């Protein structure tokens, strides 16, 4: 890592401060399914394959 990367990590008070850059607000093919995935994740389903199988029939 470069010294700038290390400094960025060291200076961050919260993980959210590290979420910056060109990829942060880019649209995703999962945007339409995020509410479903978030709900299922909060219910305890953390298996990505299972979540994928659930959203495929949704479109």
N, C-alpha and C. Protein backbone atom coordinates (compact mmCIF):
# COMPACT_ATOMS: atom_id res chain seq x y z
N UNK A 1 0.83 -1.18 0.00
CA UNK A 1 0.00 0.00 0.00
C UNK A 1 0.88 1.25 0.00
N UNK A 2 0.36 2.26 -0.59
CA UNK A 2 1.09 3.52 -0.57
C UNK A 2 0.87 4.21 0.77
N UNK A 3 1.68 5.20 1.06
CA UNK A 3 1.55 5.92 2.33
C UNK A 3 0.22 6.66 2.39
N UNK A 4 -0.30 7.08 1.25
CA UNK A 4 -1.59 7.78 1.24
C UNK A 4 -2.73 6.85 1.63
N UNK A 5 -2.67 5.61 1.16
CA UNK A 5 -3.70 4.63 1.52
C UNK A 5 -3.65 4.34 3.01
N UNK A 6 -2.45 4.13 3.53
CA UNK A 6 -2.29 3.86 4.96
C UNK A 6 -2.79 5.04 5.78
N UNK A 7 -2.46 6.26 5.35
CA UNK A 7 -2.91 7.46 6.06
C UNK A 7 -4.43 7.57 6.03
N UNK A 8 -5.04 7.24 4.89
CA UNK A 8 -6.50 7.29 4.78
C UNK A 8 -7.14 6.32 5.78
N UNK A 9 -6.60 5.12 5.88
CA UNK A 9 -7.13 4.15 6.85
C UNK A 9 -6.90 4.61 8.28
N UNK A 10 -5.74 5.16 8.54
CA UNK A 10 -5.40 5.60 9.89
C UNK A 10 -6.24 6.79 10.32
N UNK A 11 -6.56 7.67 9.41
CA UNK A 11 -7.30 8.89 9.73
C UNK A 11 -8.81 8.67 9.84
N UNK A 12 -9.31 7.55 9.32
CA UNK A 12 -10.75 7.30 9.32
C UNK A 12 -11.23 6.98 10.74
N UNK A 13 -12.20 7.75 11.21
CA UNK A 13 -12.77 7.51 12.53
C UNK A 13 -13.85 6.42 12.46
N UNK A 14 -14.49 6.30 11.29
CA UNK A 14 -15.56 5.31 11.10
C UNK A 14 -15.35 4.63 9.75
N UNK A 15 -15.79 3.38 9.60
CA UNK A 15 -15.64 2.69 8.32
C UNK A 15 -16.31 3.42 7.15
N UNK A 16 -17.42 4.12 7.45
CA UNK A 16 -18.14 4.82 6.39
C UNK A 16 -17.27 5.89 5.71
N UNK A 17 -16.29 6.40 6.41
CA UNK A 17 -15.41 7.42 5.83
C UNK A 17 -14.51 6.84 4.73
N UNK A 18 -14.40 5.54 4.68
CA UNK A 18 -13.56 4.90 3.66
C UNK A 18 -14.33 4.65 2.37
N UNK A 19 -15.64 4.79 2.41
CA UNK A 19 -16.47 4.55 1.23
C UNK A 19 -16.53 5.80 0.37
N UNK A 20 -15.47 6.09 -0.32
CA UNK A 20 -15.41 7.24 -1.20
C UNK A 20 -14.83 6.80 -2.54
N UNK A 21 -15.02 7.61 -3.54
CA UNK A 21 -14.41 7.31 -4.82
C UNK A 21 -15.42 7.13 -5.93
N UNK A 22 -14.90 6.77 -7.07
CA UNK A 22 -15.70 6.74 -8.29
C UNK A 22 -16.75 5.62 -8.31
N UNK A 23 -16.61 4.59 -7.51
CA UNK A 23 -17.52 3.46 -7.59
C UNK A 23 -18.67 3.53 -6.60
N UNK A 24 -18.73 4.52 -5.75
CA UNK A 24 -19.69 4.52 -4.67
C UNK A 24 -21.13 4.74 -5.08
N UNK A 25 -21.42 5.61 -5.99
CA UNK A 25 -22.81 5.90 -6.36
C UNK A 25 -23.17 5.36 -7.74
N UNK A 26 -22.42 4.38 -8.18
CA UNK A 26 -22.65 3.78 -9.48
C UNK A 26 -23.88 2.87 -9.42
N UNK A 27 -24.76 2.92 -10.41
CA UNK A 27 -25.93 2.04 -10.42
C UNK A 27 -25.50 0.57 -10.50
N UNK A 28 -26.31 -0.29 -9.91
CA UNK A 28 -26.03 -1.72 -9.89
C UNK A 28 -27.24 -2.48 -10.39
N UNK A 29 -27.01 -3.65 -10.96
CA UNK A 29 -28.13 -4.48 -11.40
C UNK A 29 -28.92 -4.99 -10.20
N UNK A 30 -28.36 -4.90 -9.01
CA UNK A 30 -29.05 -5.36 -7.81
C UNK A 30 -29.87 -4.27 -7.13
N UNK A 31 -29.82 -3.05 -7.62
CA UNK A 31 -30.53 -1.94 -6.97
C UNK A 31 -32.01 -2.24 -6.73
N UNK A 32 -32.68 -2.85 -7.70
CA UNK A 32 -34.11 -3.14 -7.56
C UNK A 32 -34.39 -4.19 -6.49
N UNK A 33 -33.38 -4.99 -6.16
CA UNK A 33 -33.58 -6.10 -5.23
C UNK A 33 -32.98 -5.84 -3.85
N UNK A 34 -32.36 -4.69 -3.66
CA UNK A 34 -31.71 -4.39 -2.38
C UNK A 34 -32.66 -4.44 -1.19
N UNK A 35 -33.89 -3.93 -1.30
CA UNK A 35 -34.79 -4.05 -0.14
C UNK A 35 -35.03 -5.51 0.26
N UNK A 36 -35.24 -6.38 -0.74
CA UNK A 36 -35.46 -7.80 -0.44
C UNK A 36 -34.21 -8.41 0.19
N UNK A 37 -33.05 -8.15 -0.42
CA UNK A 37 -31.80 -8.72 0.09
C UNK A 37 -31.52 -8.19 1.50
N UNK A 38 -31.72 -6.90 1.73
CA UNK A 38 -31.51 -6.34 3.07
C UNK A 38 -32.43 -6.97 4.10
N UNK A 39 -33.70 -7.15 3.74
CA UNK A 39 -34.65 -7.78 4.66
C UNK A 39 -34.23 -9.21 5.00
N UNK A 40 -33.88 -9.98 3.96
CA UNK A 40 -33.47 -11.36 4.19
C UNK A 40 -32.18 -11.43 5.00
N UNK A 41 -31.24 -10.52 4.74
CA UNK A 41 -29.98 -10.49 5.48
C UNK A 41 -30.27 -10.22 6.96
N UNK A 42 -31.15 -9.26 7.23
CA UNK A 42 -31.50 -8.93 8.61
C UNK A 42 -32.25 -10.07 9.30
N UNK A 43 -32.91 -10.93 8.51
CA UNK A 43 -33.57 -12.11 9.06
C UNK A 43 -32.58 -13.22 9.38
N UNK A 44 -31.34 -13.06 8.92
CA UNK A 44 -30.31 -14.05 9.24
C UNK A 44 -29.82 -14.86 8.06
N UNK A 45 -30.37 -14.63 6.87
CA UNK A 45 -29.91 -15.36 5.69
C UNK A 45 -28.70 -14.63 5.11
N UNK A 46 -27.51 -15.18 5.34
CA UNK A 46 -26.28 -14.54 4.87
C UNK A 46 -25.60 -15.36 3.78
N UNK A 47 -26.30 -16.32 3.23
CA UNK A 47 -25.77 -17.15 2.16
C UNK A 47 -26.06 -16.46 0.83
N UNK A 48 -25.01 -16.00 0.16
CA UNK A 48 -25.17 -15.25 -1.09
C UNK A 48 -25.85 -16.08 -2.17
N UNK A 49 -25.51 -17.35 -2.25
CA UNK A 49 -26.13 -18.21 -3.27
C UNK A 49 -27.63 -18.33 -3.04
N UNK A 50 -28.02 -18.53 -1.79
CA UNK A 50 -29.45 -18.63 -1.45
C UNK A 50 -30.17 -17.32 -1.80
N UNK A 51 -29.57 -16.20 -1.47
CA UNK A 51 -30.18 -14.90 -1.80
C UNK A 51 -30.31 -14.74 -3.31
N UNK A 52 -29.29 -15.14 -4.05
CA UNK A 52 -29.33 -15.06 -5.51
C UNK A 52 -30.46 -15.93 -6.05
N UNK A 53 -30.61 -17.14 -5.51
CA UNK A 53 -31.69 -18.03 -5.96
C UNK A 53 -33.06 -17.41 -5.69
N UNK A 54 -33.17 -16.62 -4.63
CA UNK A 54 -34.45 -15.98 -4.31
C UNK A 54 -34.77 -14.81 -5.23
N UNK A 55 -33.76 -14.08 -5.69
CA UNK A 55 -34.06 -12.90 -6.51
C UNK A 55 -34.14 -13.22 -7.99
N UNK A 56 -33.61 -14.35 -8.43
CA UNK A 56 -33.70 -14.71 -9.85
C UNK A 56 -35.16 -14.76 -10.32
N UNK A 57 -36.06 -15.41 -9.59
CA UNK A 57 -37.45 -15.44 -10.06
C UNK A 57 -38.14 -14.06 -10.02
N UNK A 58 -37.56 -13.13 -9.25
CA UNK A 58 -38.16 -11.79 -9.17
C UNK A 58 -37.84 -10.95 -10.41
N UNK A 59 -36.96 -11.43 -11.23
CA UNK A 59 -36.67 -10.70 -12.44
C UNK A 59 -35.23 -10.57 -12.71
